[in-house]
Amino acid sequence: MGYKKKSQIDMGNYTATPSEFNAFKWCIDNGIYISPYANSTLEWYICITMNGKSSMSPSTYKKIDVWKQMYRFYLYYYNKYNNNIKIEPMLVIPKKETKVKQQSTDNQLF
């Protein structure tokens, strides 16, 4: 007798930055819970629960974006309740490719 494996929903992979993880931990420790809530297999709402009340984000998010938005909310609530200590989201700035411009001299052959 075999069991049918449930089909998995692909929500993408996302690794929280250290600041996002710290905000996540602080929120959980302080009773603020933020999680994805499926609208369909392709879109999710963000559900925020605090003080026994839950609310949903007005927008839906696609895979990977749902994780990024969830951590933005964690940072928002961390910063809102910790006026003296702010955690800024770490921005990943793509490296610019720089081409080395060759200076031509009379001695160079092309």
PDB file of N, CA and C in Angstrom:
ATOM      1  N   MET A   1       0.845  -1.159   0.000  1.00  0.00           N
ATOM      2  CA  MET A   1       0.000   0.000   0.000  1.00  0.00           C
ATOM      3  C   MET A   1       0.901   1.236   0.000  1.00  0.00           C
ATOM      4  N   GLY A   2       0.711   2.114  -0.968  1.00  0.00           N
ATOM      5  CA  GLY A   2       1.535   3.310  -1.064  1.00  0.00           C
ATOM      6  C   GLY A   2       0.726   4.561  -0.811  1.00  0.00           C
ATOM      7  N   TYR A   3       1.436   5.583  -0.476  1.00  0.00           N
ATOM      8  CA  TYR A   3       0.790   6.868  -0.236  1.00  0.00           C
ATOM      9  C   TYR A   3       1.089   7.791  -1.398  1.00  0.00           C
ATOM     10  N   LYS A   4       0.096   8.547  -1.768  1.00  0.00           N
ATOM     11  CA  LYS A   4       0.264   9.513  -2.835  1.00  0.00           C
ATOM     12  C   LYS A   4       0.973  10.741  -2.270  1.00  0.00           C
ATOM     13  N   LYS A   5       2.012  11.151  -2.913  1.00  0.00           N
ATOM     14  CA  LYS A   5       2.755  12.321  -2.464  1.00  0.00           C
ATOM     15  C   LYS A   5       1.984  13.580  -2.866  1.00  0.00           C
ATOM     16  N   LYS A   6       1.798  14.482  -1.908  1.00  0.00           N
ATOM     17  CA  LYS A   6       1.128  15.740  -2.203  1.00  0.00           C
ATOM     18  C   LYS A   6       1.963  16.546  -3.179  1.00  0.00           C
ATOM     19  N   SER A   7       1.288  17.204  -4.106  1.00  0.00           N
ATOM     20  CA  SER A   7       2.039  18.065  -5.019  1.00  0.00           C
ATOM     21  C   SER A   7       2.485  19.302  -4.248  1.00  0.00           C
ATOM     22  N   GLN A   8       3.705  19.681  -4.468  1.00  0.00           N
ATOM     23  CA  GLN A   8       4.260  20.829  -3.766  1.00  0.00           C
ATOM     24  C   GLN A   8       4.003  22.101  -4.545  1.00  0.00           C
ATOM     25  N   ILE A   9       3.779  23.174  -3.833  1.00  0.00           N
ATOM     26  CA  ILE A   9       3.585  24.482  -4.445  1.00  0.00           C
ATOM     27  C   ILE A   9       4.931  25.188  -4.418  1.00  0.00           C
ATOM     28  N   ASP A  10       5.336  25.689  -5.568  1.00  0.00           N
ATOM     29  CA  ASP A  10       6.630  26.361  -5.675  1.00  0.00           C
ATOM     30  C   ASP A  10       6.484  27.823  -5.271  1.00  0.00           C
ATOM     31  N   MET A  11       6.981  28.144  -4.076  1.00  0.00           N
ATOM     32  CA  MET A  11       6.952  29.527  -3.600  1.00  0.00           C
ATOM     33  C   MET A  11       8.304  30.199  -3.800  1.00  0.00           C
ATOM     34  N   GLY A  12       9.223  29.512  -4.427  1.00  0.00           N
ATOM     35  CA  GLY A  12      10.547  30.067  -4.662  1.00  0.00           C
ATOM     36  C   GLY A  12      11.416  29.975  -3.419  1.00  0.00           C
ATOM     37  N   ASN A  13      12.663  30.275  -3.586  1.00  0.00           N
ATOM     38  CA  ASN A  13      13.625  30.260  -2.479  1.00  0.00           C
ATOM     39  C   ASN A  13      14.109  31.671  -2.226  1.00  0.00           C
ATOM     40  N   TYR A  14      14.213  32.011  -0.962  1.00  0.00           N
ATOM     41  CA  TYR A  14      14.723  33.319  -0.580  1.00  0.00           C
ATOM     42  C   TYR A  14      15.450  33.164   0.743  1.00  0.00           C
ATOM     43  N   THR A  15      16.626  33.737   0.848  1.00  0.00           N
ATOM     44  CA  THR A  15      17.391  33.704   2.084  1.00  0.00           C
ATOM     45  C   THR A  15      17.382  35.106   2.689  1.00  0.00           C
ATOM     46  N   ALA A  16      16.910  35.190   3.915  1.00  0.00           N
ATOM     47  CA  ALA A  16      16.833  36.483   4.594  1.00  0.00           C
ATOM     48  C   ALA A  16      18.226  37.026   4.865  1.00  0.00           C
ATOM     49  N   THR A  17      18.354  38.342   4.769  1.00  0.00           N
ATOM     50  CA  THR A  17      19.610  38.993   5.135  1.00  0.00           C
ATOM     51  C   THR A  17      19.719  38.956   6.663  1.00  0.00           C
ATOM     52  N   PRO A  18      20.893  39.205   7.214  1.00  0.00           N
ATOM     53  CA  PRO A  18      21.022  39.227   8.676  1.00  0.00           C
ATOM     54  C   PRO A  18      20.070  40.230   9.343  1.00  0.00           C
ATOM     55  N   SER A  19      19.893  41.409   8.750  1.00  0.00           N
ATOM     56  CA  SER A  19      18.981  42.394   9.350  1.00  0.00           C
ATOM     57  C   SER A  19      17.532  41.919   9.265  1.00  0.00           C
ATOM     58  N   GLU A  20      17.162  41.287   8.168  1.00  0.00           N
ATOM     59  CA  GLU A  20      15.808  40.741   8.045  1.00  0.00           C
ATOM     60  C   GLU A  20      15.576  39.635   9.070  1.00  0.00           C
ATOM     61  N   PHE A  21      16.571  38.788   9.255  1.00  0.00           N
ATOM     62  CA  PHE A  21      16.431  37.700  10.216  1.00  0.00           C
ATOM     63  C   PHE A  21      16.313  38.237  11.642  1.00  0.00           C
ATOM     64  N   ASN A  22      17.091  39.272  11.978  1.00  0.00           N
ATOM     65  CA  ASN A  22      17.003  39.873  13.312  1.00  0.00           C
ATOM     66  C   ASN A  22      15.627  40.487  13.548  1.00  0.00           C
ATOM     67  N   ALA A  23      15.082  41.155  12.543  1.00  0.00           N
ATOM     68  CA  ALA A  23      13.742  41.737  12.664  1.00  0.00           C
ATOM     69  C   ALA A  23      12.697  40.633  12.808  1.00  0.00           C
ATOM     70  N   PHE A  24      12.838  39.562  12.048  1.00  0.00           N
ATOM     71  CA  PHE A  24      11.944  38.398  12.134  1.00  0.00           C
ATOM     72  C   PHE A  24      11.946  37.829  13.549  1.00  0.00           C
ATOM     73  N   LYS A  25      13.140  37.610  14.097  1.00  0.00           N
ATOM     74  CA  LYS A  25      13.264  37.038  15.438  1.00  0.00           C
ATOM     75  C   LYS A  25      12.649  37.960  16.479  1.00  0.00           C
ATOM     76  N   TRP A  26      12.913  39.266  16.374  1.00  0.00           N
ATOM     77  CA  TRP A  26      12.359  40.213  17.331  1.00  0.00           C
ATOM     78  C   TRP A  26      10.829  40.189  17.276  1.00  0.00           C
ATOM     79  N   CYS A  27      10.266  40.191  16.067  1.00  0.00           N
ATOM     80  CA  CYS A  27       8.808  40.184  15.918  1.00  0.00           C
ATOM     81  C   CYS A  27       8.193  38.926  16.525  1.00  0.00           C
ATOM     82  N   ILE A  28       8.764  37.767  16.256  1.00  0.00           N
ATOM     83  CA  ILE A  28       8.241  36.515  16.811  1.00  0.00           C
ATOM     84  C   ILE A  28       8.304  36.567  18.340  1.00  0.00           C
ATOM     85  N   ASP A  29       9.425  37.028  18.878  1.00  0.00           N
ATOM     86  CA  ASP A  29       9.585  37.131  20.329  1.00  0.00           C
ATOM     87  C   ASP A  29       8.580  38.102  20.954  1.00  0.00           C
ATOM     88  N   ASN A  30       8.066  39.038  20.151  1.00  0.00           N
ATOM     89  CA  ASN A  30       7.140  40.043  20.657  1.00  0.00           C
ATOM     90  C   ASN A  30       5.704  39.843  20.155  1.00  0.00           C
ATOM     91  N   GLY A  31       5.397  38.647  19.690  1.00  0.00           N
ATOM     92  CA  GLY A  31       4.020  38.307  19.332  1.00  0.00           C
ATOM     93  C   GLY A  31       3.513  38.875  18.023  1.00  0.00           C
ATOM     94  N   ILE A  32       4.413  39.196  17.111  1.00  0.00           N
ATOM     95  CA  ILE A  32       4.017  39.669  15.779  1.00  0.00           C
ATOM     96  C   ILE A  32       4.360  38.563  14.790  1.00  0.00           C
ATOM     97  N   TYR A  33       3.327  37.990  14.171  1.00  0.00           N
ATOM     98  CA  TYR A  33       3.517  36.856  13.272  1.00  0.00           C
ATOM     99  C   TYR A  33       3.103  37.253  11.863  1.00  0.00           C
ATOM    100  N   ILE A  34       3.979  37.024  10.923  1.00  0.00           N
ATOM    101  CA  ILE A  34       3.739  37.399   9.532  1.00  0.00           C
ATOM    102  C   ILE A  34       4.017  36.178   8.673  1.00  0.00           C
ATOM    103  N   SER A  35       3.055  35.823   7.827  1.00  0.00           N
ATOM    104  CA  SER A  35       3.237  34.626   7.013  1.00  0.00           C
ATOM    105  C   SER A  35       2.477  34.727   5.695  1.00  0.00           C
ATOM    106  N   PRO A  36       2.914  33.969   4.690  1.00  0.00           N
ATOM    107  CA  PRO A  36       2.188  33.924   3.421  1.00  0.00           C
ATOM    108  C   PRO A  36       0.870  33.160   3.596  1.00  0.00           C
ATOM    109  N   TYR A  37      -0.133  33.559   2.850  1.00  0.00           N
ATOM    110  CA  TYR A  37      -1.425  32.901   2.857  1.00  0.00           C
ATOM    111  C   TYR A  37      -1.833  32.724   1.401  1.00  0.00           C
ATOM    112  N   ALA A  38      -2.063  31.490   0.989  1.00  0.00           N
ATOM    113  CA  ALA A  38      -2.304  31.184  -0.422  1.00  0.00           C
ATOM    114  C   ALA A  38      -3.618  31.762  -0.933  1.00  0.00           C
ATOM    115  N   ASN A  39      -3.527  32.456  -2.041  1.00  0.00           N
ATOM    116  CA  ASN A  39      -4.693  32.909  -2.785  1.00  0.00           C
ATOM    117  C   ASN A  39      -4.954  31.889  -3.893  1.00  0.00           C
ATOM    118  N   SER A  40      -3.884  31.367  -4.451  1.00  0.00           N
ATOM    119  CA  SER A  40      -3.910  30.329  -5.481  1.00  0.00           C
ATOM    120  C   SER A  40      -2.544  29.664  -5.448  1.00  0.00           C
ATOM    121  N   THR A  41      -2.275  28.793  -6.389  1.00  0.00           N
ATOM    122  CA  THR A  41      -0.955  28.155  -6.421  1.00  0.00           C
ATOM    123  C   THR A  41       0.111  29.094  -6.978  1.00  0.00           C
ATOM    124  N   LEU A  42      -0.312  30.267  -7.458  1.00  0.00           N
ATOM    125  CA  LEU A  42       0.642  31.209  -8.050  1.00  0.00           C
ATOM    126  C   LEU A  42       0.725  32.551  -7.329  1.00  0.00           C
ATOM    127  N   GLU A  43      -0.214  32.826  -6.418  1.00  0.00           N
ATOM    128  CA  GLU A  43      -0.233  34.107  -5.728  1.00  0.00           C
ATOM    129  C   GLU A  43      -0.542  33.912  -4.249  1.00  0.00           C
ATOM    130  N   TRP A  44       0.049  34.813  -3.425  1.00  0.00           N
ATOM    131  CA  TRP A  44      -0.145  34.745  -1.985  1.00  0.00           C
ATOM    132  C   TRP A  44      -0.411  36.129  -1.424  1.00  0.00           C
ATOM    133  N   TYR A  45      -1.209  36.159  -0.361  1.00  0.00           N
ATOM    134  CA  TYR A  45      -1.373  37.342   0.461  1.00  0.00           C
ATOM    135  C   TYR A  45      -0.353  37.240   1.588  1.00  0.00           C
ATOM    136  N   ILE A  46      -0.167  38.325   2.310  1.00  0.00           N
ATOM    137  CA  ILE A  46       0.628  38.300   3.535  1.00  0.00           C
ATOM    138  C   ILE A  46      -0.359  38.474   4.686  1.00  0.00           C
ATOM    139  N   CYS A  47      -0.321  37.555   5.641  1.00  0.00           N
ATOM    140  CA  CYS A  47      -1.183  37.612   6.814  1.00  0.00           C
ATOM    141  C   CYS A  47      -0.344  38.092   7.996  1.00  0.00           C
ATOM    142  N   ILE A  48      -0.826  39.131   8.685  1.00  0.00           N
ATOM    143  CA  ILE A  48      -0.126  39.683   9.845  1.00  0.00           C
ATOM    144  C   ILE A  48      -1.021  39.508  11.063  1.00  0.00           C
ATOM    145  N   THR A  49      -0.487  38.844  12.092  1.00  0.00           N
ATOM    146  CA  THR A  49      -1.237  38.624  13.321  1.00  0.00           C
ATOM    147  C   THR A  49      -0.471  39.241  14.481  1.00  0.00           C
ATOM    148  N   MET A  50      -1.176  40.125  15.212  1.00  0.00           N
ATOM    149  CA  MET A  50      -0.593  40.712  16.416  1.00  0.00           C
ATOM    150  C   MET A  50      -1.731  41.099  17.357  1.00  0.00           C
ATOM    151  N   ASN A  51      -1.478  40.944  18.641  1.00  0.00           N
ATOM    152  CA  ASN A  51      -2.481  41.220  19.664  1.00  0.00           C
ATOM    153  C   ASN A  51      -3.790  40.469  19.414  1.00  0.00           C
ATOM    154  N   GLY A  52      -3.689  39.262  18.884  1.00  0.00           N
ATOM    155  CA  GLY A  52      -4.867  38.437  18.651  1.00  0.00           C
ATOM    156  C   GLY A  52      -5.694  38.822  17.434  1.00  0.00           C
ATOM    157  N   LYS A  53      -5.266  39.827  16.692  1.00  0.00           N
ATOM    158  CA  LYS A  53      -5.992  40.270  15.501  1.00  0.00           C
ATOM    159  C   LYS A  53      -5.165  39.974  14.257  1.00  0.00           C
ATOM    160  N   SER A  54      -5.844  39.514  13.216  1.00  0.00           N
ATOM    161  CA  SER A  54      -5.169  39.216  11.951  1.00  0.00           C
ATOM    162  C   SER A  54      -5.676  40.133  10.858  1.00  0.00           C
ATOM    163  N   SER A  55      -4.791  40.457   9.943  1.00  0.00           N
ATOM    164  CA  SER A  55      -5.190  41.218   8.763  1.00  0.00           C
ATOM    165  C   SER A  55      -4.387  40.724   7.564  1.00  0.00           C
ATOM    166  N   MET A  56      -4.961  40.910   6.386  1.00  0.00           N
ATOM    167  CA  MET A  56      -4.331  40.472   5.139  1.00  0.00           C
ATOM    168  C   MET A  56      -3.836  41.680   4.359  1.00  0.00           C
ATOM    169  N   SER A  57      -2.778  41.474   3.626  1.00  0.00           N
ATOM    170  CA  SER A  57      -2.277  42.534   2.751  1.00  0.00           C
ATOM    171  C   SER A  57      -3.324  42.792   1.660  1.00  0.00           C
ATOM    172  N   PRO A  58      -3.426  44.022   1.213  1.00  0.00           N
ATOM    173  CA  PRO A  58      -4.398  44.312   0.153  1.00  0.00           C
ATOM    174  C   PRO A  58      -3.963  43.742  -1.203  1.00  0.00           C
ATOM    175  N   SER A  59      -2.680  43.500  -1.355  1.00  0.00           N
ATOM    176  CA  SER A  59      -2.141  43.002  -2.623  1.00  0.00           C
ATOM    177  C   SER A  59      -1.748  41.541  -2.501  1.00  0.00           C
ATOM    178  N   THR A  60      -1.652  40.886  -3.649  1.00  0.00           N
ATOM    179  CA  THR A  60      -1.117  39.526  -3.688  1.00  0.00           C
ATOM    180  C   THR A  60       0.283  39.601  -4.276  1.00  0.00           C
ATOM    181  N   TYR A  61       1.070  38.560  -4.009  1.00  0.00           N
ATOM    182  CA  TYR A  61       2.459  38.534  -4.448  1.00  0.00           C
ATOM    183  C   TYR A  61       2.765  37.205  -5.124  1.00  0.00           C
ATOM    184  N   LYS A  62       3.664  37.244  -6.066  1.00  0.00           N
ATOM    185  CA  LYS A  62       4.121  36.050  -6.774  1.00  0.00           C
ATOM    186  C   LYS A  62       5.232  35.386  -5.963  1.00  0.00           C
ATOM    187  N   LYS A  63       5.662  34.202  -6.441  1.00  0.00           N
ATOM    188  CA  LYS A  63       6.725  33.496  -5.723  1.00  0.00           C
ATOM    189  C   LYS A  63       7.959  34.375  -5.596  1.00  0.00           C
ATOM    190  N   ILE A  64       8.724  34.143  -4.607  1.00  0.00           N
ATOM    191  CA  ILE A  64       9.911  34.880  -4.180  1.00  0.00           C
ATOM    192  C   ILE A  64       9.534  36.283  -3.685  1.00  0.00           C
ATOM    193  N   ASP A  65       8.700  37.021  -4.434  1.00  0.00           N
ATOM    194  CA  ASP A  65       8.273  38.348  -3.976  1.00  0.00           C
ATOM    195  C   ASP A  65       7.516  38.258  -2.657  1.00  0.00           C
ATOM    196  N   VAL A  66       6.787  37.173  -2.452  1.00  0.00           N
ATOM    197  CA  VAL A  66       6.032  37.017  -1.210  1.00  0.00           C
ATOM    198  C   VAL A  66       6.980  36.969  -0.013  1.00  0.00           C
ATOM    199  N   TRP A  67       8.129  36.319  -0.185  1.00  0.00           N
ATOM    200  CA  TRP A  67       9.111  36.239   0.907  1.00  0.00           C
ATOM    201  C   TRP A  67       9.743  37.594   1.161  1.00  0.00           C
ATOM    202  N   LYS A  68      10.108  38.294   0.083  1.00  0.00           N
ATOM    203  CA  LYS A  68      10.721  39.613   0.224  1.00  0.00           C
ATOM    204  C   LYS A  68       9.776  40.568   0.932  1.00  0.00           C
ATOM    205  N   GLN A  69       8.487  40.542   0.556  1.00  0.00           N
ATOM    206  CA  GLN A  69       7.514  41.433   1.182  1.00  0.00           C
ATOM    207  C   GLN A  69       7.291  41.058   2.642  1.00  0.00           C
ATOM    208  N   MET A  70       7.282  39.772   2.929  1.00  0.00           N
ATOM    209  CA  MET A  70       7.102  39.326   4.305  1.00  0.00           C
ATOM    210  C   MET A  70       8.210  39.905   5.195  1.00  0.00           C
ATOM    211  N   TYR A  71       9.450  39.846   4.729  1.00  0.00           N
ATOM    212  CA  TYR A  71      10.562  40.389   5.513  1.00  0.00           C
ATOM    213  C   TYR A  71      10.528  41.911   5.565  1.00  0.00           C
ATOM    214  N   ARG A  72       9.993  42.578   4.538  1.00  0.00           N
ATOM    215  CA  ARG A  72       9.820  44.032   4.611  1.00  0.00           C
ATOM    216  C   ARG A  72       8.860  44.394   5.736  1.00  0.00           C
ATOM    217  N   PHE A  73       7.794  43.601   5.874  1.00  0.00           N
ATOM    218  CA  PHE A  73       6.855  43.830   6.973  1.00  0.00           C
ATOM    219  C   PHE A  73       7.532  43.600   8.322  1.00  0.00           C
ATOM    220  N   TYR A  74       8.337  42.540   8.428  1.00  0.00           N
ATOM    221  CA  TYR A  74       9.065  42.319   9.684  1.00  0.00           C
ATOM    222  C   TYR A  74       9.948  43.521  10.007  1.00  0.00           C
ATOM    223  N   LEU A  75      10.666  44.043   9.033  1.00  0.00           N
ATOM    224  CA  LEU A  75      11.510  45.225   9.252  1.00  0.00           C
ATOM    225  C   LEU A  75      10.666  46.436   9.634  1.00  0.00           C
ATOM    226  N   TYR A  76       9.521  46.597   8.982  1.00  0.00           N
ATOM    227  CA  TYR A  76       8.645  47.718   9.288  1.00  0.00           C
ATOM    228  C   TYR A  76       8.222  47.689  10.757  1.00  0.00           C
ATOM    229  N   TYR A  77       7.735  46.545  11.229  1.00  0.00           N
ATOM    230  CA  TYR A  77       7.258  46.460  12.609  1.00  0.00           C
ATOM    231  C   TYR A  77       8.409  46.553  13.608  1.00  0.00           C
ATOM    232  N   TYR A  78       9.553  45.986  13.274  1.00  0.00           N
ATOM    233  CA  TYR A  78      10.711  46.125  14.150  1.00  0.00           C
ATOM    234  C   TYR A  78      11.058  47.600  14.320  1.00  0.00           C
ATOM    235  N   ASN A  79      11.165  48.312  13.202  1.00  0.00           N
ATOM    236  CA  ASN A  79      11.533  49.725  13.240  1.00  0.00           C
ATOM    237  C   ASN A  79      10.455  50.583  13.900  1.00  0.00           C
ATOM    238  N   LYS A  80       9.201  50.233  13.705  1.00  0.00           N
ATOM    239  CA  LYS A  80       8.104  51.001  14.286  1.00  0.00           C
ATOM    240  C   LYS A  80       8.145  50.972  15.811  1.00  0.00           C
ATOM    241  N   TYR A  81       8.453  49.825  16.389  1.00  0.00           N
ATOM    242  CA  TYR A  81       8.428  49.682  17.838  1.00  0.00           C
ATOM    243  C   TYR A  81       9.789  49.812  18.497  1.00  0.00           C
ATOM    244  N   ASN A  82      10.812  50.087  17.739  1.00  0.00           N
ATOM    245  CA  ASN A  82      12.160  50.305  18.268  1.00  0.00           C
ATOM    246  C   ASN A  82      12.697  51.610  17.714  1.00  0.00           C
ATOM    247  N   ASN A  83      12.139  52.709  18.183  1.00  0.00           N
ATOM    248  CA  ASN A  83      12.501  54.030  17.661  1.00  0.00           C
ATOM    249  C   ASN A  83      13.980  54.339  17.772  1.00  0.00           C
ATOM    250  N   ASN A  84      14.614  53.835  18.816  1.00  0.00           N
ATOM    251  CA  ASN A  84      16.012  54.174  19.019  1.00  0.00           C
ATOM    252  C   ASN A  84      16.971  53.274  18.230  1.00  0.00           C
ATOM    253  N   ILE A  85      16.507  52.137  17.795  1.00  0.00           N
ATOM    254  CA  ILE A  85      17.366  51.219  17.036  1.00  0.00           C
ATOM    255  C   ILE A  85      16.672  50.900  15.720  1.00  0.00           C
ATOM    256  N   LYS A  86      17.258  51.289  14.629  1.00  0.00           N
ATOM    257  CA  LYS A  86      16.676  51.018  13.319  1.00  0.00           C
ATOM    258  C   LYS A  86      17.497  49.956  12.612  1.00  0.00           C
ATOM    259  N   ILE A  87      16.807  49.072  11.956  1.00  0.00           N
ATOM    260  CA  ILE A  87      17.481  48.110  11.082  1.00  0.00           C
ATOM    261  C   ILE A  87      17.101  48.499   9.670  1.00  0.00           C
ATOM    262  N   GLU A  88      18.070  48.763   8.865  1.00  0.00           N
ATOM    263  CA  GLU A  88      17.824  49.108   7.472  1.00  0.00           C
ATOM    264  C   GLU A  88      17.930  47.848   6.626  1.00  0.00           C
ATOM    265  N   PRO A  89      17.041  47.710   5.649  1.00  0.00           N
ATOM    266  CA  PRO A  89      17.179  46.549   4.759  1.00  0.00           C
ATOM    267  C   PRO A  89      18.482  46.661   3.993  1.00  0.00           C
ATOM    268  N   MET A  90      19.123  45.537   3.823  1.00  0.00           N
ATOM    269  CA  MET A  90      20.371  45.534   3.070  1.00  0.00           C
ATOM    270  C   MET A  90      20.023  45.479   1.595  1.00  0.00           C
ATOM    271  N   LEU A  91      20.505  46.448   0.875  1.00  0.00           N
ATOM    272  CA  LEU A  91      20.243  46.463  -0.550  1.00  0.00           C
ATOM    273  C   LEU A  91      21.377  45.760  -1.275  1.00  0.00           C
ATOM    274  N   VAL A  92      21.010  44.938  -2.198  1.00  0.00           N
ATOM    275  CA  VAL A  92      22.014  44.277  -3.011  1.00  0.00           C
ATOM    276  C   VAL A  92      22.152  45.101  -4.274  1.00  0.00           C
ATOM    277  N   ILE A  93      23.287  45.716  -4.400  1.00  0.00           N
ATOM    278  CA  ILE A  93      23.536  46.560  -5.563  1.00  0.00           C
ATOM    279  C   ILE A  93      24.339  45.742  -6.566  1.00  0.00           C
ATOM    280  N   PRO A  94      23.763  45.560  -7.742  1.00  0.00           N
ATOM    281  CA  PRO A  94      24.493  44.773  -8.731  1.00  0.00           C
ATOM    282  C   PRO A  94      25.803  45.452  -9.107  1.00  0.00           C
ATOM    283  N   LYS A  95      26.797  44.628  -9.279  1.00  0.00           N
ATOM    284  CA  LYS A  95      28.097  45.172  -9.665  1.00  0.00           C
ATOM    285  C   LYS A  95      28.035  45.657 -11.100  1.00  0.00           C
ATOM    286  N   LYS A  96      28.618  46.821 -11.302  1.00  0.00           N
ATOM    287  CA  LYS A  96      28.704  47.345 -12.652  1.00  0.00           C
ATOM    288  C   LYS A  96      29.898  46.721 -13.339  1.00  0.00           C
ATOM    289  N   GLU A  97      29.670  46.339 -14.554  1.00  0.00           N
ATOM    290  CA  GLU A  97      30.806  45.833 -15.310  1.00  0.00           C
ATOM    291  C   GLU A  97      31.536  47.036 -15.882  1.00  0.00           C
ATOM    292  N   THR A  98      32.788  47.077 -15.609  1.00  0.00           N
ATOM    293  CA  THR A  98      33.573  48.172 -16.161  1.00  0.00           C
ATOM    294  C   THR A  98      34.534  47.598 -17.188  1.00  0.00           C
ATOM    295  N   LYS A  99      34.531  48.225 -18.302  1.00  0.00           N
ATOM    296  CA  LYS A  99      35.448  47.801 -19.348  1.00  0.00           C
ATOM    297  C   LYS A  99      36.660  48.707 -19.292  1.00  0.00           C
ATOM    298  N   VAL A 100      37.775  48.080 -19.338  1.00  0.00           N
ATOM    299  CA  VAL A 100      39.017  48.846 -19.323  1.00  0.00           C
ATOM    300  C   VAL A 100      39.239  49.397 -20.724  1.00  0.00           C
ATOM    301  N   LYS A 101      39.325  50.678 -20.776  1.00  0.00           N
ATOM    302  CA  LYS A 101      39.526  51.330 -22.062  1.00  0.00           C
ATOM    303  C   LYS A 101      41.021  51.356 -22.356  1.00  0.00           C
ATOM    304  N   GLN A 102      41.352  50.823 -23.495  1.00  0.00           N
ATOM    305  CA  GLN A 102      42.760  50.811 -23.866  1.00  0.00           C
ATOM    306  C   GLN A 102      43.113  52.146 -24.501  1.00  0.00           C
ATOM    307  N   GLN A 103      44.243  52.636 -24.069  1.00  0.00           N
ATOM    308  CA  GLN A 103      44.728  53.856 -24.686  1.00  0.00           C
ATOM    309  C   GLN A 103      45.605  53.461 -25.850  1.00  0.00           C
ATOM    310  N   SER A 104      45.340  54.075 -26.941  1.00  0.00           N
ATOM    311  CA  SER A 104      46.139  53.708 -28.109  1.00  0.00           C
ATOM    312  C   SER A 104      47.438  54.495 -28.125  1.00  0.00           C
ATOM    313  N   THR A 105      48.442  53.799 -28.483  1.00  0.00           N
ATOM    314  CA  THR A 105      49.735  54.446 -28.671  1.00  0.00           C
ATOM    315  C   THR A 105      50.200  54.085 -30.049  1.00  0.00           C
ATOM    316  N   ASP A 106      51.120  54.798 -30.508  1.00  0.00           N
ATOM    317  CA  ASP A 106      51.630  54.532 -31.856  1.00  0.00           C
ATOM    318  C   ASP A 106      52.295  53.168 -31.933  1.00  0.00           C
ATOM    319  N   ASN A 107      52.751  52.637 -30.789  1.00  0.00           N
ATOM    320  CA  ASN A 107      53.479  51.382 -30.812  1.00  0.00           C
ATOM    321  C   ASN A 107      52.547  50.168 -30.789  1.00  0.00           C
ATOM    322  N   GLN A 108      51.255  50.348 -30.488  1.00  0.00           N
ATOM    323  CA  GLN A 108      50.343  49.221 -30.409  1.00  0.00           C
ATOM    324  C   GLN A 108      49.830  48.825 -31.776  1.00  0.00           C
ATOM    325  N   LEU A 109      49.714  47.533 -31.969  1.00  0.00           N
ATOM    326  CA  LEU A 109      49.137  47.033 -33.213  1.00  0.00           C
ATOM    327  C   LEU A 109      47.779  46.438 -32.893  1.00  0.00           C
ATOM    328  N   PHE A 110      46.803  46.707 -33.708  1.00  0.00           N
ATOM    329  CA  PHE A 110      45.462  46.178 -33.489  1.00  0.00           C
ATOM    330  C   PHE A 110      45.109  45.157 -34.499  1.00  0.00           C
TER     331      PHE A 110
END
